[in-house]
Protein backbone atom coordinates (compact mmCIF):
# COMPACT_ATOMS: atom_id res chain seq x y z
CA MET A 1 -5.94 41.75 -78.86
CA ASN A 2 -6.84 45.47 -77.91
CA LYS A 3 -3.68 46.77 -76.32
CA GLY A 4 -5.86 48.37 -73.43
CA ILE A 5 -7.46 45.30 -72.81
CA ALA A 6 -4.14 43.62 -72.35
CA VAL A 7 -2.86 46.23 -69.96
CA SER A 8 -6.11 45.90 -67.85
CA ALA A 9 -5.88 42.16 -67.94
CA THR A 10 -2.06 42.24 -66.63
CA ILE A 11 -3.14 44.68 -63.83
CA PHE A 12 -5.87 42.75 -63.03
CA LEU A 13 -3.70 39.59 -62.55
CA LEU A 14 -0.92 41.65 -60.70
CA LEU A 15 -3.52 42.50 -58.32
CA ALA A 16 -4.91 39.31 -57.77
CA ALA A 17 -1.50 38.20 -57.22
CA ALA A 18 -0.87 40.68 -54.67
CA LEU A 19 -4.04 40.06 -52.48
CA LEU A 20 -3.02 36.25 -52.63
CA THR A 21 0.18 37.09 -51.24
CA SER A 22 -1.32 39.51 -48.69
CA TYR A 23 -3.65 36.80 -47.73
CA ALA A 24 -0.66 34.49 -47.24
CA MET A 25 1.31 36.65 -45.28
CA TRP A 26 -1.44 37.34 -42.87
CA SER A 27 -2.34 33.63 -42.62
CA ASP A 28 -0.86 31.86 -39.84
CA SER A 29 -1.13 28.64 -37.69
CA LEU A 30 -0.69 27.76 -33.82
CA LYS A 31 0.43 24.42 -32.26
CA ILE A 32 0.43 23.17 -28.74
CA ASN A 33 2.69 20.47 -27.72
CA ASN A 34 1.43 18.87 -24.39
CA THR A 35 3.39 16.80 -22.34
CA VAL A 36 1.84 15.03 -18.96
CA GLU A 37 4.03 13.31 -16.61
CA THR A 38 2.24 11.09 -14.12
CA GLY A 39 3.21 10.22 -10.59
CA GLU A 40 3.95 6.93 -8.99
CA VAL A 41 2.34 5.19 -5.89
CA ASP A 42 4.72 3.35 -4.33
CA PHE A 43 4.24 1.81 -0.83
CA TYR A 44 6.47 -0.68 0.89
CA PHE A 45 7.60 -2.36 4.04
CA SER A 46 10.93 -0.71 5.14
CA PRO A 47 13.79 -3.52 5.21
CA GLY A 48 15.63 -3.43 8.32
CA SER A 49 12.56 -2.15 10.35
CA VAL A 50 11.06 -5.27 11.52
CA ILE A 51 11.54 -6.26 15.37
CA HIS A 52 9.54 -9.01 17.39
CA LEU A 53 9.04 -9.57 20.86
CA ASP A 54 10.13 -13.33 21.05
CA GLN A 55 13.88 -13.32 20.56
CA GLY A 56 14.47 -15.97 23.28
CA LEU A 57 12.32 -16.55 26.22
CA ASP A 58 8.64 -16.78 25.41
CA TRP A 59 5.95 -14.13 26.10
CA ASN A 60 2.51 -15.17 27.42
CA ALA A 61 -0.86 -13.34 27.08
CA SER A 62 -1.69 -13.48 30.86
CA TYR A 63 -4.27 -10.73 30.47
CA TYR A 64 -5.98 -11.49 27.26
CA PRO A 65 -8.05 -10.14 25.74
CA SER A 66 -6.45 -6.80 26.93
CA ASP A 67 -2.92 -6.14 25.61
CA GLY A 68 -0.88 -6.96 28.70
CA TYR A 69 1.62 -9.95 28.35
CA VAL A 70 4.56 -10.99 30.59
CA GLN A 71 7.87 -12.89 29.91
CA LEU A 72 8.07 -16.52 30.86
CA ASP A 73 11.34 -18.38 31.99
CA LYS A 74 11.13 -20.99 29.07
CA ASP A 75 12.07 -20.73 25.27
CA VAL A 76 9.65 -23.15 23.86
CA GLY A 77 7.78 -21.35 20.76
CA SER A 78 9.57 -19.36 18.26
CA THR A 79 8.43 -16.70 15.44
CA ASN A 80 10.22 -15.79 11.83
CA VAL A 81 9.36 -12.79 10.28
CA THR A 82 10.08 -12.59 6.56
CA LEU A 83 9.64 -9.88 4.01
CA LEU A 84 8.92 -10.75 0.25
CA ASP A 85 8.91 -8.93 -2.90
CA THR A 86 5.99 -10.70 -4.66
CA ASP A 87 5.76 -8.58 -7.78
CA GLY A 88 9.67 -8.20 -8.56
CA ASP A 89 9.50 -4.74 -8.53
CA GLY A 90 12.37 -4.19 -5.77
CA ASP A 91 10.24 -3.27 -3.04
CA TYR A 92 8.97 -5.56 -0.14
CA ASP A 93 5.23 -5.69 -0.33
CA THR A 94 4.46 -8.84 1.69
CA MET A 95 5.21 -9.92 5.42
CA ASN A 96 5.03 -13.63 6.33
CA ILE A 97 4.87 -14.76 9.82
CA THR A 98 5.57 -18.22 10.83
CA MET A 99 5.01 -19.47 14.38
CA SER A 100 6.56 -22.78 15.36
CA ASN A 101 6.01 -24.88 18.39
CA VAL A 102 3.46 -22.50 20.06
CA TYR A 103 0.86 -23.13 22.36
CA PRO A 104 -2.44 -21.45 23.83
CA TRP A 105 -1.82 -17.86 25.23
CA TYR A 106 1.95 -17.54 23.41
CA VAL A 107 2.02 -14.11 22.30
CA GLU A 108 4.06 -12.24 19.79
CA HIS A 109 4.45 -8.41 19.15
CA VAL A 110 5.83 -7.30 15.57
CA ALA A 111 6.63 -3.70 14.65
CA PHE A 112 7.86 -2.38 11.42
CA LYS A 113 7.87 0.58 9.11
CA VAL A 114 5.66 1.22 6.04
CA CYS A 115 7.19 4.11 3.74
CA ASN A 116 5.91 6.03 0.63
CA GLY A 117 8.61 5.56 -2.06
CA GLY A 118 6.35 7.03 -4.73
CA THR A 119 5.95 10.76 -5.56
CA ILE A 120 2.00 11.22 -4.59
CA PRO A 121 0.67 11.52 -1.00
CA ILE A 122 -0.89 8.47 -0.36
CA LYS A 123 -3.32 7.01 2.52
CA ILE A 124 -3.38 3.67 4.28
CA TRP A 125 -6.49 2.05 2.80
CA LYS A 126 -6.54 -1.42 4.11
CA VAL A 127 -4.86 -4.58 5.66
CA ILE A 128 -5.06 -8.08 3.89
CA ILE A 129 -4.54 -10.63 6.59
CA GLY A 130 -4.58 -14.28 5.08
CA GLY A 131 -6.22 -13.08 2.02
CA ASN A 132 -9.25 -11.27 3.99
CA SER A 133 -9.35 -7.23 3.68
CA TYR A 134 -10.16 -5.05 6.44
CA TYR A 135 -10.90 -1.49 5.85
CA GLU A 136 -11.43 0.03 9.20
CA VAL A 137 -11.01 -1.18 13.02
CA ASN A 138 -14.26 -1.03 14.94
CA GLU A 139 -14.27 -0.80 18.74
CA ASN A 140 -14.33 -4.69 19.39
CA GLN A 141 -11.60 -5.27 17.08
CA ALA A 142 -9.33 -2.31 18.66
CA MET A 143 -10.05 -4.07 21.71
CA GLN A 144 -9.66 -7.91 20.92
CA GLY A 145 -8.30 -8.08 17.62
CA VAL A 146 -9.66 -10.08 14.83
CA GLU A 147 -9.86 -14.06 15.27
CA LEU A 148 -8.54 -16.10 12.39
CA ASP A 149 -8.33 -19.86 11.37
CA LEU A 150 -4.77 -20.40 9.94
CA ASN A 151 -4.74 -24.10 9.71
CA HIS A 152 -8.06 -23.81 8.06
CA ASP A 153 -9.80 -26.41 10.19
CA GLY A 154 -12.99 -24.56 10.99
CA VAL A 155 -11.79 -23.07 14.19
CA ASN A 156 -10.26 -19.66 15.19
CA ASP A 157 -6.78 -20.57 16.47
CA THR A 158 -5.06 -17.00 16.68
CA THR A 159 -6.25 -13.16 17.06
CA ILE A 160 -4.14 -10.53 15.66
CA TRP A 161 -4.60 -7.02 16.90
CA TRP A 162 -2.94 -3.73 15.10
CA GLY A 163 -3.09 -0.22 15.72
CA ASP A 164 -5.79 1.84 13.70
CA ASN A 165 -3.64 3.62 10.91
CA PHE A 166 -6.42 3.44 8.20
CA GLY A 167 -6.47 6.90 6.62
CA LEU A 168 -2.84 7.90 7.69
CA GLN A 169 -1.50 10.08 4.91
CA LEU A 170 2.29 9.73 3.94
CA HIS A 171 4.01 12.17 1.57
CA HIS A 172 7.29 11.05 -0.53
CA GLY A 173 9.95 9.72 1.95
CA ASP A 174 7.45 9.43 5.04
CA CYS A 175 7.32 6.45 7.09
CA ALA A 176 4.96 5.29 9.68
CA ASP A 177 5.45 3.01 12.60
CA ILE A 178 2.92 0.13 12.69
CA SER A 179 2.63 -2.85 15.21
CA MET A 180 0.65 -5.74 15.46
CA THR A 181 -0.09 -8.28 18.56
CA ILE A 182 -0.66 -12.09 17.73
CA THR A 183 -2.04 -14.21 20.44
CA VAL A 184 -2.62 -18.19 20.04
CA LEU A 185 -5.96 -19.23 21.10
CA GLN A 186 -7.23 -22.41 23.28
CA PRO A 187 -8.57 -24.29 20.17
CA ALA A 188 -4.87 -23.79 18.54
CA PRO A 189 -4.19 -27.47 17.18
CA GLN A 190 -1.05 -29.42 18.49
CA ASN A 191 1.95 -30.30 16.13
CA THR A 192 1.05 -27.71 13.47
CA THR A 193 2.94 -24.74 12.30
CA LEU A 194 0.62 -21.71 12.09
CA SER A 195 1.56 -19.16 9.08
CA THR A 196 0.09 -16.20 7.77
CA THR A 197 0.71 -13.50 5.07
CA ILE A 198 0.13 -9.87 5.80
CA SER A 199 0.14 -7.04 3.40
CA MET A 200 -1.07 -3.35 3.47
CA VAL A 201 -2.54 -1.26 0.62
CA ALA A 202 -2.38 2.40 -0.23
CA VAL A 203 -4.01 4.63 -2.47
CA ALA A 204 -3.63 8.36 -3.77
CA TRP A 205 -4.59 10.57 -0.91
CA ASN A 206 -7.76 11.68 -2.94
CA GLU A 207 -8.87 8.14 -3.77
CA TYR A 208 -9.24 7.10 0.00
CA SER A 209 -12.51 5.62 1.18
CA PRO A 210 -12.82 4.25 4.57
CA SER A 211 -15.51 1.74 3.78
CA GLY A 212 -13.54 0.22 0.64
């Protein structure tokens, strides 16, 4: 082989190697690691916050359908309010109300707190009473409440009135005072224990819709 050609070939290989090395030195890559930590919507009945009117002598809805009522001189009917954790997450999500030995115009007023235990602001979306959902309170309901058939005989036997807190926004740690009035109506059956479950649902504040 011609010595000059060999030298030229050697120089060519060295130059090629240098170019490849230079390319490798100037080549780089960027990596992006993305971590998303989601928040939590958590809404519950506050334990220990429940109080109700009938702690002894009965109360009578003398001015029904308005919200006036008076205390009687007899202790006949009784109401038991129990909070339940139906999904096992440690929070009370359901309220059970049982009225025993009650009669027409017996009235009970139940007050309680609901709290935001999550990290996302929420709004109260709806209340579920006896399996039926209510997303808003119209003028008639605000005055007279919603009539219910608690013993499922086809005749409404009670009415429940509650404050209009739909759309109320709660931030983490905030609680809202809510109350409801339950009145036994004239068609209520004799010798029957009237019971219903009440739960409230909240959604992330930006997902609230008053129409459901």
